[in-house]
Amino acid sequence: MKEGFEEVKSEIKAKLLFWNNIKSKKVKASLILLFLGLIGLKIFTTVLTFDWLADIVKSI
């Protein structure tokens, strides 16, 4: 259990170090937009999937 926490902490530190090493504001803005776009896509496809499943359940 402790090893898992240590692994997560080291991953977070690595991501923060990567983020802090990026000097270009354009690259940071692009990464933020990409991240938000992926989240939006995931939400959109999940909603469509559940809507599709609900239609199947209604038709049965």
N, C-alpha and C. Protein backbone atom coordinates (compact mmCIF):
# COMPACT_ATOMS: atom_id res chain seq x y z
N MET A 1 0.83 -1.19 0.00
CA MET A 1 0.00 0.00 0.00
C MET A 1 0.87 1.25 0.00
N LYS A 2 1.92 1.23 0.83
CA LYS A 2 2.82 2.38 0.89
C LYS A 2 3.55 2.56 -0.43
N GLU A 3 3.89 1.45 -1.05
CA GLU A 3 4.60 1.52 -2.33
C GLU A 3 3.73 2.18 -3.39
N GLY A 4 2.43 1.91 -3.34
CA GLY A 4 1.50 2.53 -4.28
C GLY A 4 1.45 4.03 -4.12
N PHE A 5 1.39 4.48 -2.87
CA PHE A 5 1.38 5.92 -2.60
C PHE A 5 2.66 6.59 -3.07
N GLU A 6 3.78 5.93 -2.82
CA GLU A 6 5.06 6.47 -3.24
C GLU A 6 5.14 6.56 -4.77
N GLU A 7 4.59 5.56 -5.44
CA GLU A 7 4.60 5.56 -6.90
C GLU A 7 3.74 6.71 -7.44
N VAL A 8 2.58 6.91 -6.83
CA VAL A 8 1.70 8.00 -7.27
C VAL A 8 2.37 9.35 -7.00
N LYS A 9 2.98 9.50 -5.85
CA LYS A 9 3.66 10.76 -5.52
C LYS A 9 4.80 11.03 -6.49
N SER A 10 5.54 10.00 -6.86
CA SER A 10 6.65 10.21 -7.80
C SER A 10 6.13 10.56 -9.19
N GLU A 11 5.01 9.98 -9.59
CA GLU A 11 4.40 10.31 -10.89
C GLU A 11 3.93 11.76 -10.90
N ILE A 12 3.31 12.19 -9.81
CA ILE A 12 2.84 13.58 -9.73
C ILE A 12 4.01 14.55 -9.77
N LYS A 13 5.07 14.22 -9.06
CA LYS A 13 6.26 15.07 -9.08
C LYS A 13 6.86 15.14 -10.48
N ALA A 14 6.87 14.02 -11.19
CA ALA A 14 7.40 13.99 -12.56
C ALA A 14 6.55 14.86 -13.49
N LYS A 15 5.22 14.79 -13.34
CA LYS A 15 4.34 15.60 -14.19
C LYS A 15 4.52 17.08 -13.89
N LEU A 16 4.65 17.44 -12.60
CA LEU A 16 4.86 18.84 -12.24
C LEU A 16 6.20 19.34 -12.76
N LEU A 17 7.22 18.51 -12.70
CA LEU A 17 8.53 18.90 -13.22
C LEU A 17 8.46 19.12 -14.73
N PHE A 18 7.75 18.24 -15.42
CA PHE A 18 7.56 18.41 -16.86
C PHE A 18 6.84 19.71 -17.15
N TRP A 19 5.77 19.98 -16.40
CA TRP A 19 4.98 21.20 -16.62
C TRP A 19 5.81 22.44 -16.35
N ASN A 20 6.61 22.43 -15.30
CA ASN A 20 7.43 23.59 -14.95
C ASN A 20 8.57 23.80 -15.93
N ASN A 21 8.98 22.76 -16.64
CA ASN A 21 10.06 22.90 -17.61
C ASN A 21 9.59 23.46 -18.95
N ILE A 22 8.29 23.49 -19.17
CA ILE A 22 7.77 24.05 -20.42
C ILE A 22 7.82 25.57 -20.31
N LYS A 23 8.53 26.20 -21.20
CA LYS A 23 8.71 27.65 -21.16
C LYS A 23 7.70 28.39 -22.01
N SER A 24 7.22 27.77 -23.07
CA SER A 24 6.32 28.42 -24.03
C SER A 24 4.89 28.44 -23.50
N LYS A 25 4.31 29.62 -23.49
CA LYS A 25 2.92 29.75 -23.07
C LYS A 25 1.98 29.14 -24.10
N LYS A 26 2.38 29.15 -25.37
CA LYS A 26 1.56 28.55 -26.42
C LYS A 26 1.47 27.04 -26.23
N VAL A 27 2.56 26.42 -25.87
CA VAL A 27 2.55 24.97 -25.66
C VAL A 27 1.70 24.63 -24.44
N LYS A 28 1.83 25.42 -23.36
CA LYS A 28 1.01 25.17 -22.17
C LYS A 28 -0.46 25.35 -22.49
N ALA A 29 -0.80 26.39 -23.24
CA ALA A 29 -2.20 26.62 -23.61
C ALA A 29 -2.71 25.48 -24.48
N SER A 30 -1.87 25.00 -25.39
CA SER A 30 -2.27 23.88 -26.26
C SER A 30 -2.51 22.61 -25.44
N LEU A 31 -1.66 22.36 -24.47
CA LEU A 31 -1.84 21.17 -23.63
C LEU A 31 -3.11 21.27 -22.80
N ILE A 32 -3.41 22.46 -22.29
CA ILE A 32 -4.64 22.65 -21.51
C ILE A 32 -5.86 22.44 -22.40
N LEU A 33 -5.84 23.02 -23.61
CA LEU A 33 -6.96 22.84 -24.54
C LEU A 33 -7.13 21.37 -24.94
N LEU A 34 -6.02 20.69 -25.16
CA LEU A 34 -6.07 19.27 -25.50
C LEU A 34 -6.70 18.47 -24.36
N PHE A 35 -6.27 18.76 -23.14
CA PHE A 35 -6.80 18.08 -21.97
C PHE A 35 -8.30 18.32 -21.82
N LEU A 36 -8.73 19.58 -21.96
CA LEU A 36 -10.15 19.90 -21.86
C LEU A 36 -10.95 19.26 -23.01
N GLY A 37 -10.36 19.23 -24.20
CA GLY A 37 -11.01 18.59 -25.33
C GLY A 37 -11.20 17.10 -25.12
N LEU A 38 -10.20 16.44 -24.55
CA LEU A 38 -10.33 15.01 -24.28
C LEU A 38 -11.39 14.74 -23.23
N ILE A 39 -11.46 15.59 -22.21
CA ILE A 39 -12.49 15.43 -21.19
C ILE A 39 -13.87 15.65 -21.81
N GLY A 40 -14.00 16.70 -22.63
CA GLY A 40 -15.28 16.95 -23.30
C GLY A 40 -15.69 15.82 -24.21
N LEU A 41 -14.74 15.26 -24.93
CA LEU A 41 -15.03 14.13 -25.81
C LEU A 41 -15.48 12.92 -25.02
N LYS A 42 -14.84 12.67 -23.91
CA LYS A 42 -15.22 11.54 -23.05
C LYS A 42 -16.64 11.72 -22.52
N ILE A 43 -16.97 12.91 -22.06
CA ILE A 43 -18.31 13.18 -21.56
C ILE A 43 -19.33 13.04 -22.68
N PHE A 44 -19.04 13.59 -23.83
CA PHE A 44 -19.95 13.54 -24.97
C PHE A 44 -20.23 12.10 -25.39
N THR A 45 -19.17 11.29 -25.51
CA THR A 45 -19.37 9.91 -25.94
C THR A 45 -20.07 9.10 -24.86
N THR A 46 -19.84 9.39 -23.61
CA THR A 46 -20.52 8.68 -22.53
C THR A 46 -22.01 8.98 -22.56
N VAL A 47 -22.37 10.23 -22.76
CA VAL A 47 -23.78 10.61 -22.83
C VAL A 47 -24.45 9.92 -24.00
N LEU A 48 -23.79 9.90 -25.15
CA LEU A 48 -24.37 9.23 -26.31
C LEU A 48 -24.52 7.73 -26.06
N THR A 49 -23.56 7.14 -25.39
CA THR A 49 -23.62 5.71 -25.11
C THR A 49 -24.78 5.39 -24.20
N PHE A 50 -24.95 6.17 -23.13
CA PHE A 50 -26.05 5.91 -22.21
C PHE A 50 -27.40 6.19 -22.87
N ASP A 51 -27.47 7.17 -23.75
CA ASP A 51 -28.71 7.44 -24.47
C ASP A 51 -29.04 6.26 -25.37
N TRP A 52 -28.06 5.71 -26.01
CA TRP A 52 -28.24 4.56 -26.88
C TRP A 52 -28.70 3.35 -26.06
N LEU A 53 -28.11 3.13 -24.88
CA LEU A 53 -28.50 2.03 -24.03
C LEU A 53 -29.92 2.22 -23.52
N ALA A 54 -30.27 3.44 -23.19
CA ALA A 54 -31.63 3.70 -22.71
C ALA A 54 -32.65 3.41 -23.80
N ASP A 55 -32.34 3.73 -25.03
CA ASP A 55 -33.25 3.43 -26.13
C ASP A 55 -33.42 1.91 -26.31
N ILE A 56 -32.36 1.16 -26.11
CA ILE A 56 -32.45 -0.30 -26.23
C ILE A 56 -33.35 -0.85 -25.11
N VAL A 57 -33.15 -0.36 -23.91
CA VAL A 57 -33.94 -0.84 -22.78
C VAL A 57 -35.41 -0.51 -22.97
N LYS A 58 -35.70 0.68 -23.51
CA LYS A 58 -37.09 1.07 -23.74
C LYS A 58 -37.75 0.18 -24.78
N SER A 59 -37.00 -0.24 -25.77
CA SER A 59 -37.59 -1.02 -26.86
C SER A 59 -37.82 -2.48 -26.48
N ILE A 60 -37.21 -2.92 -25.41
CA ILE A 60 -37.36 -4.34 -25.00
C ILE A 60 -38.62 -4.56 -24.23
